[in-house]
Amino acid sequence: TERFNDRLGNQFGAAITYFSFLSMIPIMMVSFAAAGFILASHPNLLEDIFSKILMNVSDPTLASTLKNTINTAVQQRTTVGLVGLGIALYSGVNWMGNLREAIRAQSRDVWERKPQDQEKIWLKYLRDFISLIGLLIALIITLSITCGLYTSRSPRATR
């Protein structure tokens, strides 16, 4: 624990947590864009949502505002999705870089780095991008296996 504390382990952990939380915003943007594409391709589902809003919201002004907000979100789905993807890619690559630097700082023999040890910036971003893509592929495989195991064990699958 002494080495961890001497090498600012708590600060690195806090920074990675901060960047992880900050990366949730573009992921939510992409999720809302995906929902917008689904609602745009299923107008009956969109009308069903509007009717449920009108039934459950007693204030007509608030119901109208919610309906307009949903309409605007559905209309702007492409822009929101592309901006969200761009920001998610940028923040994800930087998140990988910060994680890599934190792990290297904890595991290096010498705390300080020499200037000649710095790698070229394009190589650093390429390595972090490849690492991020690998992490996303591992996540997709893990979720696919989990969903496959769940559906194979569900009572409906055995009928």
N, C-alpha and C. Protein backbone atom coordinates (compact mmCIF):
# COMPACT_ATOMS: atom_id res chain seq x y z
N THR A 1 0.82 -1.20 0.00
CA THR A 1 0.00 0.00 0.00
C THR A 1 0.86 1.26 0.00
N GLU A 2 2.06 1.16 0.55
CA GLU A 2 2.93 2.34 0.58
C GLU A 2 3.30 2.78 -0.84
N ARG A 3 3.64 1.81 -1.68
CA ARG A 3 3.98 2.14 -3.07
C ARG A 3 2.76 2.74 -3.78
N PHE A 4 1.59 2.17 -3.56
CA PHE A 4 0.36 2.68 -4.16
C PHE A 4 0.12 4.13 -3.75
N ASN A 5 0.28 4.43 -2.47
CA ASN A 5 0.06 5.80 -1.99
C ASN A 5 1.16 6.74 -2.46
N ASP A 6 2.41 6.27 -2.47
CA ASP A 6 3.51 7.12 -2.93
C ASP A 6 3.37 7.48 -4.41
N ARG A 7 2.76 6.61 -5.16
CA ARG A 7 2.62 6.84 -6.60
C ARG A 7 1.24 7.38 -6.96
N LEU A 8 0.58 8.02 -6.01
CA LEU A 8 -0.69 8.71 -6.23
C LEU A 8 -1.80 7.78 -6.74
N GLY A 9 -1.86 6.58 -6.19
CA GLY A 9 -2.86 5.61 -6.61
C GLY A 9 -4.28 6.10 -6.41
N ASN A 10 -4.55 6.76 -5.28
CA ASN A 10 -5.90 7.28 -5.04
C ASN A 10 -6.28 8.33 -6.07
N GLN A 11 -5.34 9.20 -6.41
CA GLN A 11 -5.62 10.24 -7.40
C GLN A 11 -5.86 9.64 -8.79
N PHE A 12 -5.07 8.63 -9.14
CA PHE A 12 -5.30 7.97 -10.42
C PHE A 12 -6.67 7.29 -10.44
N GLY A 13 -7.03 6.63 -9.35
CA GLY A 13 -8.34 5.99 -9.26
C GLY A 13 -9.47 7.00 -9.39
N ALA A 14 -9.32 8.14 -8.73
CA ALA A 14 -10.35 9.19 -8.81
C ALA A 14 -10.44 9.75 -10.23
N ALA A 15 -9.30 9.93 -10.88
CA ALA A 15 -9.30 10.46 -12.24
C ALA A 15 -9.97 9.48 -13.21
N ILE A 16 -9.69 8.20 -13.06
CA ILE A 16 -10.30 7.21 -13.94
C ILE A 16 -11.80 7.14 -13.70
N THR A 17 -12.22 7.25 -12.43
CA THR A 17 -13.66 7.27 -12.12
C THR A 17 -14.31 8.49 -12.76
N TYR A 18 -13.67 9.64 -12.68
CA TYR A 18 -14.20 10.86 -13.28
C TYR A 18 -14.36 10.70 -14.79
N PHE A 19 -13.32 10.20 -15.45
CA PHE A 19 -13.40 10.03 -16.91
C PHE A 19 -14.43 8.98 -17.29
N SER A 20 -14.58 7.95 -16.46
CA SER A 20 -15.60 6.92 -16.73
C SER A 20 -16.99 7.52 -16.66
N PHE A 21 -17.23 8.33 -15.64
CA PHE A 21 -18.53 8.97 -15.49
C PHE A 21 -18.78 9.96 -16.63
N LEU A 22 -17.76 10.72 -16.99
CA LEU A 22 -17.89 11.70 -18.06
C LEU A 22 -18.19 11.02 -19.40
N SER A 23 -17.70 9.82 -19.59
CA SER A 23 -17.94 9.10 -20.84
C SER A 23 -19.37 8.60 -20.96
N MET A 24 -20.13 8.64 -19.88
CA MET A 24 -21.52 8.17 -19.94
C MET A 24 -22.41 9.12 -20.75
N ILE A 25 -22.07 10.40 -20.80
CA ILE A 25 -22.91 11.36 -21.51
C ILE A 25 -22.98 11.04 -23.01
N PRO A 26 -21.85 10.85 -23.71
CA PRO A 26 -21.98 10.50 -25.13
C PRO A 26 -22.62 9.13 -25.35
N ILE A 27 -22.43 8.20 -24.42
CA ILE A 27 -23.09 6.90 -24.55
C ILE A 27 -24.60 7.07 -24.45
N MET A 28 -25.05 7.95 -23.56
CA MET A 28 -26.49 8.23 -23.45
C MET A 28 -26.99 8.92 -24.72
N MET A 29 -26.17 9.79 -25.32
CA MET A 29 -26.57 10.44 -26.56
C MET A 29 -26.80 9.41 -27.66
N VAL A 30 -25.90 8.45 -27.77
CA VAL A 30 -26.05 7.40 -28.78
C VAL A 30 -27.29 6.55 -28.48
N SER A 31 -27.53 6.28 -27.20
CA SER A 31 -28.73 5.50 -26.82
C SER A 31 -30.01 6.24 -27.19
N PHE A 32 -30.05 7.54 -26.93
CA PHE A 32 -31.23 8.33 -27.30
C PHE A 32 -31.40 8.38 -28.82
N ALA A 33 -30.29 8.45 -29.55
CA ALA A 33 -30.38 8.45 -31.01
C ALA A 33 -30.92 7.11 -31.51
N ALA A 34 -30.48 6.01 -30.90
CA ALA A 34 -31.00 4.69 -31.28
C ALA A 34 -32.49 4.61 -31.00
N ALA A 35 -32.91 5.13 -29.85
CA ALA A 35 -34.34 5.16 -29.53
C ALA A 35 -35.09 6.02 -30.54
N GLY A 36 -34.48 7.12 -30.97
CA GLY A 36 -35.10 7.98 -31.98
C GLY A 36 -35.29 7.26 -33.31
N PHE A 37 -34.30 6.47 -33.71
CA PHE A 37 -34.43 5.69 -34.95
C PHE A 37 -35.54 4.65 -34.83
N ILE A 38 -35.63 4.01 -33.67
CA ILE A 38 -36.69 3.01 -33.47
C ILE A 38 -38.06 3.68 -33.51
N LEU A 39 -38.20 4.82 -32.82
CA LEU A 39 -39.49 5.51 -32.81
C LEU A 39 -39.86 6.07 -34.18
N ALA A 40 -38.85 6.52 -34.94
CA ALA A 40 -39.13 7.06 -36.28
C ALA A 40 -39.59 5.96 -37.23
N SER A 41 -39.08 4.75 -37.04
CA SER A 41 -39.47 3.66 -37.93
C SER A 41 -40.76 2.96 -37.49
N HIS A 42 -41.23 3.26 -36.27
CA HIS A 42 -42.48 2.69 -35.76
C HIS A 42 -43.38 3.83 -35.27
N PRO A 43 -44.06 4.53 -36.18
CA PRO A 43 -44.89 5.67 -35.77
C PRO A 43 -46.01 5.29 -34.81
N ASN A 44 -46.51 4.06 -34.90
CA ASN A 44 -47.56 3.64 -33.97
C ASN A 44 -47.04 3.58 -32.53
N LEU A 45 -45.79 3.20 -32.37
CA LEU A 45 -45.17 3.19 -31.04
C LEU A 45 -45.02 4.61 -30.51
N LEU A 46 -44.65 5.53 -31.39
CA LEU A 46 -44.53 6.93 -31.00
C LEU A 46 -45.89 7.50 -30.59
N GLU A 47 -46.92 7.19 -31.34
CA GLU A 47 -48.27 7.65 -30.97
C GLU A 47 -48.73 7.03 -29.66
N ASP A 48 -48.36 5.79 -29.42
CA ASP A 48 -48.70 5.13 -28.15
C ASP A 48 -48.03 5.84 -26.98
N ILE A 49 -46.77 6.24 -27.17
CA ILE A 49 -46.07 6.99 -26.11
C ILE A 49 -46.76 8.33 -25.87
N PHE A 50 -47.13 9.02 -26.95
CA PHE A 50 -47.82 10.30 -26.80
C PHE A 50 -49.15 10.14 -26.06
N SER A 51 -49.90 9.10 -26.39
CA SER A 51 -51.19 8.91 -25.71
C SER A 51 -51.00 8.58 -24.23
N LYS A 52 -49.96 7.83 -23.90
CA LYS A 52 -49.68 7.52 -22.49
C LYS A 52 -49.25 8.77 -21.73
N ILE A 53 -48.50 9.65 -22.41
CA ILE A 53 -48.12 10.91 -21.77
C ILE A 53 -49.37 11.74 -21.48
N LEU A 54 -50.26 11.84 -22.46
CA LEU A 54 -51.48 12.63 -22.26
C LEU A 54 -52.36 12.04 -21.16
N MET A 55 -52.39 10.72 -21.03
CA MET A 55 -53.20 10.08 -19.99
C MET A 55 -52.60 10.26 -18.60
N ASN A 56 -51.27 10.24 -18.49
CA ASN A 56 -50.62 10.21 -17.18
C ASN A 56 -50.14 11.56 -16.67
N VAL A 57 -50.05 12.55 -17.54
CA VAL A 57 -49.62 13.88 -17.11
C VAL A 57 -50.86 14.77 -17.04
N SER A 58 -51.13 15.25 -15.84
CA SER A 58 -52.37 16.02 -15.64
C SER A 58 -52.28 17.44 -16.20
N ASP A 59 -51.09 18.02 -16.21
CA ASP A 59 -50.92 19.38 -16.71
C ASP A 59 -50.79 19.36 -18.23
N PRO A 60 -51.71 19.97 -18.96
CA PRO A 60 -51.64 19.93 -20.43
C PRO A 60 -50.41 20.66 -21.00
N THR A 61 -49.94 21.68 -20.30
CA THR A 61 -48.76 22.39 -20.77
C THR A 61 -47.52 21.50 -20.69
N LEU A 62 -47.40 20.78 -19.57
CA LEU A 62 -46.27 19.85 -19.41
C LEU A 62 -46.36 18.71 -20.42
N ALA A 63 -47.55 18.20 -20.65
CA ALA A 63 -47.73 17.12 -21.63
C ALA A 63 -47.34 17.60 -23.03
N SER A 64 -47.73 18.82 -23.37
CA SER A 64 -47.37 19.38 -24.68
C SER A 64 -45.85 19.57 -24.79
N THR A 65 -45.25 20.04 -23.71
CA THR A 65 -43.79 20.22 -23.70
C THR A 65 -43.08 18.89 -23.88
N LEU A 66 -43.53 17.85 -23.17
CA LEU A 66 -42.92 16.53 -23.31
C LEU A 66 -43.08 15.98 -24.73
N LYS A 67 -44.25 16.18 -25.30
CA LYS A 67 -44.51 15.71 -26.67
C LYS A 67 -43.59 16.43 -27.66
N ASN A 68 -43.45 17.75 -27.50
CA ASN A 68 -42.56 18.51 -28.38
C ASN A 68 -41.10 18.09 -28.20
N THR A 69 -40.70 17.82 -26.96
CA THR A 69 -39.33 17.39 -26.69
C THR A 69 -39.04 16.05 -27.35
N ILE A 70 -39.98 15.12 -27.23
CA ILE A 70 -39.79 13.81 -27.86
C ILE A 70 -39.76 13.95 -29.39
N ASN A 71 -40.65 14.77 -29.94
CA ASN A 71 -40.64 15.00 -31.40
C ASN A 71 -39.32 15.58 -31.87
N THR A 72 -38.80 16.55 -31.13
CA THR A 72 -37.51 17.16 -31.48
C THR A 72 -36.39 16.13 -31.39
N ALA A 73 -36.40 15.30 -30.35
CA ALA A 73 -35.37 14.28 -30.20
C ALA A 73 -35.41 13.28 -31.35
N VAL A 74 -36.60 12.90 -31.77
CA VAL A 74 -36.73 11.95 -32.88
C VAL A 74 -36.25 12.60 -34.18
N GLN A 75 -36.56 13.88 -34.38
CA GLN A 75 -36.15 14.57 -35.60
C GLN A 75 -34.63 14.79 -35.64
N GLN A 76 -34.00 14.99 -34.50
CA GLN A 76 -32.57 15.28 -34.43
C GLN A 76 -31.73 14.03 -34.16
N ARG A 77 -32.28 12.85 -34.36
CA ARG A 77 -31.62 11.60 -33.98
C ARG A 77 -30.28 11.39 -34.68
N THR A 78 -30.18 11.74 -35.95
CA THR A 78 -28.93 11.53 -36.68
C THR A 78 -27.83 12.43 -36.15
N THR A 79 -28.14 13.69 -35.95
CA THR A 79 -27.14 14.63 -35.44
C THR A 79 -26.68 14.23 -34.05
N VAL A 80 -27.64 13.92 -33.18
CA VAL A 80 -27.30 13.53 -31.81
C VAL A 80 -26.46 12.26 -31.82
N GLY A 81 -26.82 11.31 -32.67
CA GLY A 81 -26.08 10.05 -32.74
C GLY A 81 -24.65 10.23 -33.23
N LEU A 82 -24.47 11.03 -34.28
CA LEU A 82 -23.13 11.24 -34.82
C LEU A 82 -22.25 12.02 -33.85
N VAL A 83 -22.81 13.07 -33.25
CA VAL A 83 -22.04 13.84 -32.26
C VAL A 83 -21.71 12.95 -31.07
N GLY A 84 -22.68 12.17 -30.61
CA GLY A 84 -22.44 11.26 -29.49
C GLY A 84 -21.36 10.23 -29.80
N LEU A 85 -21.40 9.66 -31.02
CA LEU A 85 -20.37 8.69 -31.40
C LEU A 85 -18.99 9.33 -31.44
N GLY A 86 -18.91 10.54 -31.99
CA GLY A 86 -17.62 11.23 -32.05
C GLY A 86 -17.05 11.52 -30.68
N ILE A 87 -17.91 12.04 -29.81
CA ILE A 87 -17.45 12.36 -28.45
C ILE A 87 -17.13 11.08 -27.69
N ALA A 88 -17.93 10.03 -27.89
CA ALA A 88 -17.66 8.75 -27.21
C ALA A 88 -16.33 8.17 -27.65
N LEU A 89 -16.04 8.27 -28.93
CA LEU A 89 -14.77 7.77 -29.44
C LEU A 89 -13.61 8.56 -28.85
N TYR A 90 -13.71 9.88 -28.86
CA TYR A 90 -12.65 10.73 -28.31
C TYR A 90 -12.46 10.48 -26.81
N SER A 91 -13.55 10.47 -26.06
CA SER A 91 -13.42 10.29 -24.61
C SER A 91 -13.00 8.86 -24.28
N GLY A 92 -13.43 7.88 -25.09
CA GLY A 92 -13.03 6.50 -24.86
C GLY A 92 -11.54 6.29 -25.08
N VAL A 93 -11.01 6.88 -26.14
CA VAL A 93 -9.57 6.77 -26.40
C VAL A 93 -8.78 7.45 -25.29
N ASN A 94 -9.22 8.61 -24.85
CA ASN A 94 -8.52 9.29 -23.75
C ASN A 94 -8.67 8.52 -22.44
N TRP A 95 -9.82 7.89 -22.22
CA TRP A 95 -10.01 7.06 -21.03
C TRP A 95 -9.02 5.90 -21.03
N MET A 96 -8.85 5.25 -22.19
CA MET A 96 -7.88 4.15 -22.29
C MET A 96 -6.47 4.66 -22.03
N GLY A 97 -6.14 5.84 -22.55
CA GLY A 97 -4.81 6.41 -22.32
C GLY A 97 -4.57 6.70 -20.85
N ASN A 98 -5.56 7.27 -20.19
CA ASN A 98 -5.40 7.55 -18.76
C ASN A 98 -5.29 6.28 -17.94
N LEU A 99 -6.06 5.27 -18.30
CA LEU A 99 -5.97 3.99 -17.60
C LEU A 99 -4.59 3.37 -17.80
N ARG A 100 -4.09 3.41 -19.04
CA ARG A 100 -2.77 2.86 -19.33
C ARG A 100 -1.68 3.59 -18.55
N GLU A 101 -1.75 4.92 -18.54
CA GLU A 101 -0.75 5.70 -17.81
C GLU A 101 -0.80 5.42 -16.30
N ALA A 102 -1.99 5.28 -15.75
CA ALA A 102 -2.12 5.00 -14.32
C ALA A 102 -1.53 3.64 -13.97
N ILE A 103 -1.81 2.64 -14.80
CA ILE A 103 -1.27 1.31 -14.53
C ILE A 103 0.25 1.31 -14.69
N ARG A 104 0.74 1.97 -15.70
CA ARG A 104 2.19 2.04 -15.90
C ARG A 104 2.88 2.79 -14.77
N ALA A 105 2.26 3.85 -14.29
CA ALA A 105 2.86 4.62 -13.19
C ALA A 105 2.96 3.76 -11.93
N GLN A 106 1.97 2.91 -11.71
CA GLN A 106 2.00 2.05 -10.53
C GLN A 106 3.00 0.91 -10.67
N SER A 107 3.25 0.46 -11.89
CA SER A 107 4.09 -0.73 -12.06
C SER A 107 5.52 -0.43 -12.50
N ARG A 108 5.83 0.82 -12.81
CA ARG A 108 7.21 1.17 -13.21
C ARG A 108 8.17 1.00 -12.04
N ASP A 109 9.41 0.65 -12.37
CA ASP A 109 10.43 0.57 -11.32
C ASP A 109 10.78 1.94 -10.78
N VAL A 110 10.84 2.92 -11.69
CA VAL A 110 11.19 4.29 -11.31
C VAL A 110 9.96 5.16 -11.52
N TRP A 111 9.64 5.99 -10.52
CA TRP A 111 8.43 6.82 -10.59
C TRP A 111 8.51 7.83 -11.72
N GLU A 112 9.62 8.54 -11.82
CA GLU A 112 9.75 9.58 -12.84
C GLU A 112 10.07 8.95 -14.19
N ARG A 113 9.56 9.61 -15.24
CA ARG A 113 9.86 9.18 -16.60
C ARG A 113 10.80 10.18 -17.24
N LYS A 114 11.66 9.66 -18.09
CA LYS A 114 12.57 10.53 -18.83
C LYS A 114 11.85 11.04 -20.07
N PRO A 115 12.18 12.26 -20.52
CA PRO A 115 11.53 12.79 -21.73
C PRO A 115 11.72 11.90 -22.96
N GLN A 116 12.85 11.21 -23.06
CA GLN A 116 13.07 10.35 -24.23
C GLN A 116 12.21 9.08 -24.18
N ASP A 117 11.59 8.79 -23.03
CA ASP A 117 10.70 7.64 -22.92
C ASP A 117 9.31 7.92 -23.50
N GLN A 118 9.02 9.19 -23.77
CA GLN A 118 7.70 9.55 -24.31
C GLN A 118 7.57 9.00 -25.74
N GLU A 119 6.43 8.38 -26.02
CA GLU A 119 6.20 7.88 -27.37
C GLU A 119 5.52 8.96 -28.21
N LYS A 120 5.57 8.78 -29.53
CA LYS A 120 4.93 9.75 -30.42
C LYS A 120 3.43 9.78 -30.16
N ILE A 121 2.84 10.96 -30.29
CA ILE A 121 1.43 11.13 -29.93
C ILE A 121 0.52 10.31 -30.84
N TRP A 122 0.83 10.22 -32.13
CA TRP A 122 -0.02 9.44 -33.03
C TRP A 122 0.04 7.96 -32.69
N LEU A 123 1.21 7.49 -32.26
CA LEU A 123 1.36 6.09 -31.87
C LEU A 123 0.58 5.80 -30.59
N LYS A 124 0.62 6.77 -29.67
CA LYS A 124 -0.12 6.62 -28.41
C LYS A 124 -1.62 6.53 -28.68
N TYR A 125 -2.14 7.43 -29.52
CA TYR A 125 -3.57 7.42 -29.83
C TYR A 125 -3.96 6.16 -30.61
N LEU A 126 -3.11 5.71 -31.52
CA LEU A 126 -3.39 4.48 -32.26
C LEU A 126 -3.45 3.28 -31.32
N ARG A 127 -2.50 3.19 -30.40
CA ARG A 127 -2.48 2.09 -29.44
C ARG A 127 -3.72 2.14 -28.53
N ASP A 128 -4.07 3.33 -28.08
CA ASP A 128 -5.25 3.45 -27.22
C ASP A 128 -6.54 3.14 -27.99
N PHE A 129 -6.60 3.54 -29.26
CA PHE A 129 -7.78 3.24 -30.08
C PHE A 129 -7.93 1.74 -30.28
N ILE A 130 -6.83 1.06 -30.59
CA ILE A 130 -6.88 -0.39 -30.77
C ILE A 130 -7.27 -1.08 -29.47
N SER A 131 -6.75 -0.59 -28.35
CA SER A 131 -7.13 -1.15 -27.05
C SER A 131 -8.61 -0.95 -26.77
N LEU A 132 -9.13 0.23 -27.10
CA LEU A 132 -10.55 0.51 -26.89
C LEU A 132 -11.42 -0.41 -27.75
N ILE A 133 -11.05 -0.59 -29.01
CA ILE A 133 -11.80 -1.49 -29.89
C ILE A 133 -11.75 -2.92 -29.35
N GLY A 134 -10.58 -3.35 -28.89
CA GLY A 134 -10.47 -4.69 -28.29
C GLY A 134 -11.35 -4.84 -27.07
N LEU A 135 -11.41 -3.81 -26.24
CA LEU A 135 -12.26 -3.84 -25.05
C LEU A 135 -13.74 -3.91 -25.45
N LEU A 136 -14.13 -3.15 -26.47
CA LEU A 136 -15.52 -3.19 -26.94
C LEU A 136 -15.88 -4.55 -27.53
N ILE A 137 -14.96 -5.15 -28.27
CA ILE A 137 -15.21 -6.49 -28.82
C ILE A 137 -15.37 -7.51 -27.69
N ALA A 138 -14.51 -7.41 -26.68
CA ALA A 138 -14.62 -8.32 -25.53
C ALA A 138 -15.95 -8.12 -24.81
N LEU A 139 -16.40 -6.88 -24.70
CA LEU A 139 -17.69 -6.60 -24.07
C LEU A 139 -18.84 -7.20 -24.87
N ILE A 140 -18.80 -7.04 -26.19
CA ILE A 140 -19.85 -7.60 -27.05
C ILE A 140 -19.88 -9.12 -26.96
N ILE A 141 -18.71 -9.75 -26.99
CA ILE A 141 -18.64 -11.21 -26.87
C ILE A 141 -19.19 -11.67 -25.53
N THR A 142 -18.81 -10.98 -24.46
CA THR A 142 -19.29 -11.34 -23.13
C THR A 142 -20.80 -11.21 -23.03
N LEU A 143 -21.34 -10.11 -23.53
CA LEU A 143 -22.79 -9.93 -23.49
C LEU A 143 -23.51 -10.96 -24.36
N SER A 144 -22.94 -11.30 -25.51
CA SER A 144 -23.55 -12.30 -26.38
C SER A 144 -23.58 -13.67 -25.71
N ILE A 145 -22.49 -14.04 -25.08
CA ILE A 145 -22.44 -15.33 -24.38
C ILE A 145 -23.44 -15.34 -23.23
N THR A 146 -23.49 -14.24 -22.48
CA THR A 146 -24.42 -14.16 -21.35
C THR A 146 -25.86 -14.26 -21.83
N CYS A 147 -26.20 -13.53 -22.87
CA CYS A 147 -27.57 -13.59 -23.41
C CYS A 147 -27.88 -14.97 -23.97
N GLY A 148 -26.92 -15.59 -24.62
CA GLY A 148 -27.12 -16.94 -25.16
C GLY A 148 -27.35 -17.95 -24.06
N LEU A 149 -26.59 -17.85 -22.98
CA LEU A 149 -26.78 -18.76 -21.86
C LEU A 149 -28.13 -18.52 -21.19
N TYR A 150 -28.51 -17.27 -21.08
CA TYR A 150 -29.79 -16.95 -20.43
C TYR A 150 -30.96 -17.49 -21.24
N THR A 151 -30.93 -17.27 -22.55
CA THR A 151 -32.06 -17.73 -23.37
C THR A 151 -32.10 -19.24 -23.47
N SER A 152 -30.95 -19.91 -23.42
CA SER A 152 -30.97 -21.37 -23.49
C SER A 152 -31.49 -21.99 -22.20
N ARG A 153 -31.43 -21.27 -21.09
CA ARG A 153 -31.91 -21.79 -19.81
C ARG A 153 -33.30 -21.29 -19.46
N SER A 154 -33.85 -20.39 -20.24
CA SER A 154 -35.17 -19.86 -19.91
C SER A 154 -36.23 -20.92 -20.14
N PRO A 155 -37.32 -20.89 -19.37
CA PRO A 155 -38.37 -21.90 -19.53
C PRO A 155 -39.01 -21.87 -20.92
N ARG A 156 -39.08 -20.71 -21.54
CA ARG A 156 -39.68 -20.60 -22.87
C ARG A 156 -38.87 -21.35 -23.92
N ALA A 157 -37.53 -21.38 -23.75
CA ALA A 157 -36.67 -22.02 -24.74
C ALA A 157 -36.81 -23.54 -24.70
N THR A 158 -37.24 -24.10 -23.57
CA THR A 158 -37.35 -25.55 -23.46
C THR A 158 -38.68 -26.09 -23.98
N ARG A 159 -39.64 -25.23 -24.22
CA ARG A 159 -40.95 -25.70 -24.71
C ARG A 159 -40.93 -26.07 -26.16
